[in-house]
Amino acid sequence: DDYPFNEGWKHYQVWEPYRKMLAGHITADCDASLQHMQDGRPLKGSRIDHDGCVFGWLAPEEVAELHESLSQLDDALITDEDLADFHETFVESLQAIRDRNAVLFMAAH
């Protein structure tokens, strides 16, 4: 969880508009991974009743696939400046996590 995209407030409220902006440009599996980041991904059950706290995770294979897809997107697709900054930081974080063959853990509280 110690990556720039996961520091403090940086990803609060970003997942839904980020996913909408990328709709049609990424695979269904990549969108499902982003939805895990948006809705949380419990170890059991299908969704977290977060009450303001969300915890999400992606397996190493999911991280690699998501990085591959997001890193190849045309920069012109990201039209919102705040989302462009988030996208750049998120892709850099995914690369570092992929290079370690690690699980991504995201916490928002």
C-alpha atoms as a PDB file:
ATOM      1  CA  ASP A   1       0.000   0.000   0.000  1.00  0.00           C
ATOM      2  CA  ASP A   2       3.031   2.318   0.164  1.00  0.00           C
ATOM      3  CA  TYR A   3       2.796   3.853  -3.329  1.00  0.00           C
ATOM      4  CA  PRO A   4       2.092   7.440  -4.391  1.00  0.00           C
ATOM      5  CA  PHE A   5      -1.457   6.825  -5.667  1.00  0.00           C
ATOM      6  CA  ASN A   6      -2.404   5.448  -2.245  1.00  0.00           C
ATOM      7  CA  GLU A   7      -1.286   8.426  -0.133  1.00  0.00           C
ATOM      8  CA  GLY A   8      -4.050  10.053   1.858  1.00  0.00           C
ATOM      9  CA  TRP A   9      -6.806  11.634  -0.206  1.00  0.00           C
ATOM     10  CA  LYS A  10      -5.410  11.057  -3.684  1.00  0.00           C
ATOM     11  CA  HIS A  11      -7.908   8.468  -4.802  1.00  0.00           C
ATOM     12  CA  TYR A  12     -11.030   9.520  -2.896  1.00  0.00           C
ATOM     13  CA  GLN A  13     -13.925   9.900  -5.336  1.00  0.00           C
ATOM     14  CA  VAL A  14     -11.678   9.282  -8.359  1.00  0.00           C
ATOM     15  CA  TRP A  15     -12.580   5.719  -9.309  1.00  0.00           C
ATOM     16  CA  GLU A  16     -16.062   6.286 -10.747  1.00  0.00           C
ATOM     17  CA  PRO A  17     -15.146   9.201 -13.051  1.00  0.00           C
ATOM     18  CA  TYR A  18     -11.869   7.472 -13.953  1.00  0.00           C
ATOM     19  CA  ARG A  19     -13.717   4.280 -14.951  1.00  0.00           C
ATOM     20  CA  LYS A  20     -16.310   6.270 -16.923  1.00  0.00           C
ATOM     21  CA  MET A  21     -13.575   8.101 -18.818  1.00  0.00           C
ATOM     22  CA  LEU A  22     -11.851   4.817 -19.712  1.00  0.00           C
ATOM     23  CA  ALA A  23     -15.049   2.950 -20.649  1.00  0.00           C
ATOM     24  CA  GLY A  24     -14.676   1.372 -24.067  1.00  0.00           C
ATOM     25  CA  HIS A  25     -10.898   1.777 -23.999  1.00  0.00           C
ATOM     26  CA  ILE A  26      -9.984  -1.028 -21.597  1.00  0.00           C
ATOM     27  CA  THR A  27     -10.910  -4.692 -21.340  1.00  0.00           C
ATOM     28  CA  ALA A  28     -13.764  -5.959 -19.186  1.00  0.00           C
ATOM     29  CA  ASP A  29     -11.201  -7.622 -16.875  1.00  0.00           C
ATOM     30  CA  CYS A  30      -9.351  -4.322 -16.400  1.00  0.00           C
ATOM     31  CA  ASP A  31     -12.625  -2.536 -15.683  1.00  0.00           C
ATOM     32  CA  ALA A  32     -13.456  -5.252 -13.127  1.00  0.00           C
ATOM     33  CA  SER A  33     -10.092  -4.620 -11.431  1.00  0.00           C
ATOM     34  CA  LEU A  34     -10.818  -0.889 -11.302  1.00  0.00           C
ATOM     35  CA  GLN A  35     -14.267  -1.652  -9.897  1.00  0.00           C
ATOM     36  CA  HIS A  36     -12.571  -3.587  -7.072  1.00  0.00           C
ATOM     37  CA  MET A  37     -10.641  -0.407  -6.322  1.00  0.00           C
ATOM     38  CA  GLN A  38     -13.850   1.650  -6.439  1.00  0.00           C
ATOM     39  CA  ASP A  39     -16.138  -0.608  -4.391  1.00  0.00           C
ATOM     40  CA  GLY A  40     -13.630  -2.415  -2.218  1.00  0.00           C
ATOM     41  CA  ARG A  41     -12.824  -6.082  -2.438  1.00  0.00           C
ATOM     42  CA  PRO A  42     -13.337  -8.115   0.685  1.00  0.00           C
ATOM     43  CA  LEU A  43     -11.678 -11.455   1.239  1.00  0.00           C
ATOM     44  CA  LYS A  44     -15.168 -12.915   1.660  1.00  0.00           C
ATOM     45  CA  GLY A  45     -18.450 -11.731   0.204  1.00  0.00           C
ATOM     46  CA  SER A  46     -18.963  -9.625  -2.883  1.00  0.00           C
ATOM     47  CA  ARG A  47     -18.694  -6.065  -1.594  1.00  0.00           C
ATOM     48  CA  ILE A  48     -17.670  -4.072   1.470  1.00  0.00           C
ATOM     49  CA  ASP A  49     -20.205  -2.039   3.457  1.00  0.00           C
ATOM     50  CA  HIS A  50     -17.485   0.548   3.840  1.00  0.00           C
ATOM     51  CA  ASP A  51     -19.080   3.330   5.949  1.00  0.00           C
ATOM     52  CA  GLY A  52     -16.361   5.674   4.683  1.00  0.00           C
ATOM     53  CA  CYS A  53     -13.531   3.114   4.616  1.00  0.00           C
ATOM     54  CA  VAL A  54     -12.675   1.057   1.544  1.00  0.00           C
ATOM     55  CA  PHE A  55     -10.005  -1.585   1.192  1.00  0.00           C
ATOM     56  CA  GLY A  56      -9.221  -3.062  -2.200  1.00  0.00           C
ATOM     57  CA  TRP A  57      -6.634  -5.472  -3.509  1.00  0.00           C
ATOM     58  CA  LEU A  58      -5.498  -6.944  -6.796  1.00  0.00           C
ATOM     59  CA  ALA A  59      -3.543 -10.154  -7.340  1.00  0.00           C
ATOM     60  CA  PRO A  60      -0.171  -9.855  -9.128  1.00  0.00           C
ATOM     61  CA  GLU A  61      -1.686 -11.130 -12.405  1.00  0.00           C
ATOM     62  CA  GLU A  62      -4.435  -8.495 -12.211  1.00  0.00           C
ATOM     63  CA  VAL A  63      -1.860  -5.776 -11.513  1.00  0.00           C
ATOM     64  CA  ALA A  64       0.174  -6.817 -14.569  1.00  0.00           C
ATOM     65  CA  GLU A  65      -2.877  -6.898 -16.845  1.00  0.00           C
ATOM     66  CA  LEU A  66      -4.174  -3.554 -15.578  1.00  0.00           C
ATOM     67  CA  HIS A  67      -0.737  -1.935 -15.954  1.00  0.00           C
ATOM     68  CA  GLU A  68      -0.391  -3.272 -19.506  1.00  0.00           C
ATOM     69  CA  SER A  69      -3.775  -1.877 -20.501  1.00  0.00           C
ATOM     70  CA  LEU A  70      -3.551   1.510 -18.769  1.00  0.00           C
ATOM     71  CA  SER A  71       0.051   2.218 -19.808  1.00  0.00           C
ATOM     72  CA  GLN A  72      -0.887   1.874 -23.480  1.00  0.00           C
ATOM     73  CA  LEU A  73      -3.752   4.369 -23.421  1.00  0.00           C
ATOM     74  CA  ASP A  74      -3.423   7.517 -25.507  1.00  0.00           C
ATOM     75  CA  ASP A  75      -2.707  10.468 -23.185  1.00  0.00           C
ATOM     76  CA  ALA A  76      -5.324  12.500 -25.084  1.00  0.00           C
ATOM     77  CA  LEU A  77      -8.000  10.193 -23.644  1.00  0.00           C
ATOM     78  CA  ILE A  78      -7.437  11.609 -20.142  1.00  0.00           C
ATOM     79  CA  THR A  79      -9.089  15.013 -20.498  1.00  0.00           C
ATOM     80  CA  ASP A  80      -9.546  15.979 -16.835  1.00  0.00           C
ATOM     81  CA  GLU A  81      -6.339  17.478 -15.364  1.00  0.00           C
ATOM     82  CA  ASP A  82      -6.860  15.954 -11.910  1.00  0.00           C
ATOM     83  CA  LEU A  83      -7.573  12.546 -13.436  1.00  0.00           C
ATOM     84  CA  ALA A  84      -4.522  12.910 -15.704  1.00  0.00           C
ATOM     85  CA  ASP A  85      -2.334  13.424 -12.637  1.00  0.00           C
ATOM     86  CA  PHE A  86      -3.996  10.484 -10.913  1.00  0.00           C
ATOM     87  CA  HIS A  87      -3.632   8.294 -14.016  1.00  0.00           C
ATOM     88  CA  GLU A  88       0.094   9.007 -14.303  1.00  0.00           C
ATOM     89  CA  THR A  89       0.686   8.267 -10.617  1.00  0.00           C
ATOM     90  CA  PHE A  90      -1.486   5.150 -10.724  1.00  0.00           C
ATOM     91  CA  VAL A  91       0.299   3.716 -13.785  1.00  0.00           C
ATOM     92  CA  GLU A  92       3.713   4.395 -12.174  1.00  0.00           C
ATOM     93  CA  SER A  93       2.552   2.671  -8.993  1.00  0.00           C
ATOM     94  CA  LEU A  94       1.191  -0.301 -10.953  1.00  0.00           C
ATOM     95  CA  GLN A  95       4.544  -0.665 -12.723  1.00  0.00           C
ATOM     96  CA  ALA A  96       6.439  -0.709  -9.436  1.00  0.00           C
ATOM     97  CA  ILE A  97       4.015  -3.265  -7.972  1.00  0.00           C
ATOM     98  CA  ARG A  98       4.173  -5.374 -11.159  1.00  0.00           C
ATOM     99  CA  ASP A  99       7.984  -5.288 -11.108  1.00  0.00           C
ATOM    100  CA  ARG A 100       7.885  -6.742  -7.590  1.00  0.00           C
ATOM    101  CA  ASN A 101       5.251  -9.324  -8.619  1.00  0.00           C
ATOM    102  CA  ALA A 102       3.322  -8.153  -5.564  1.00  0.00           C
ATOM    103  CA  VAL A 103      -0.285  -7.773  -4.497  1.00  0.00           C
ATOM    104  CA  LEU A 104      -1.685  -4.245  -4.690  1.00  0.00           C
ATOM    105  CA  PHE A 105      -3.423  -3.149  -1.498  1.00  0.00           C
ATOM    106  CA  MET A 106      -5.449   0.061  -1.450  1.00  0.00           C
ATOM    107  CA  ALA A 107      -6.881   1.678   1.641  1.00  0.00           C
ATOM    108  CA  ALA A 108      -9.165   4.679   1.846  1.00  0.00           C
ATOM    109  CA  HIS A 109     -10.308   5.823   5.252  1.00  0.00           C
END
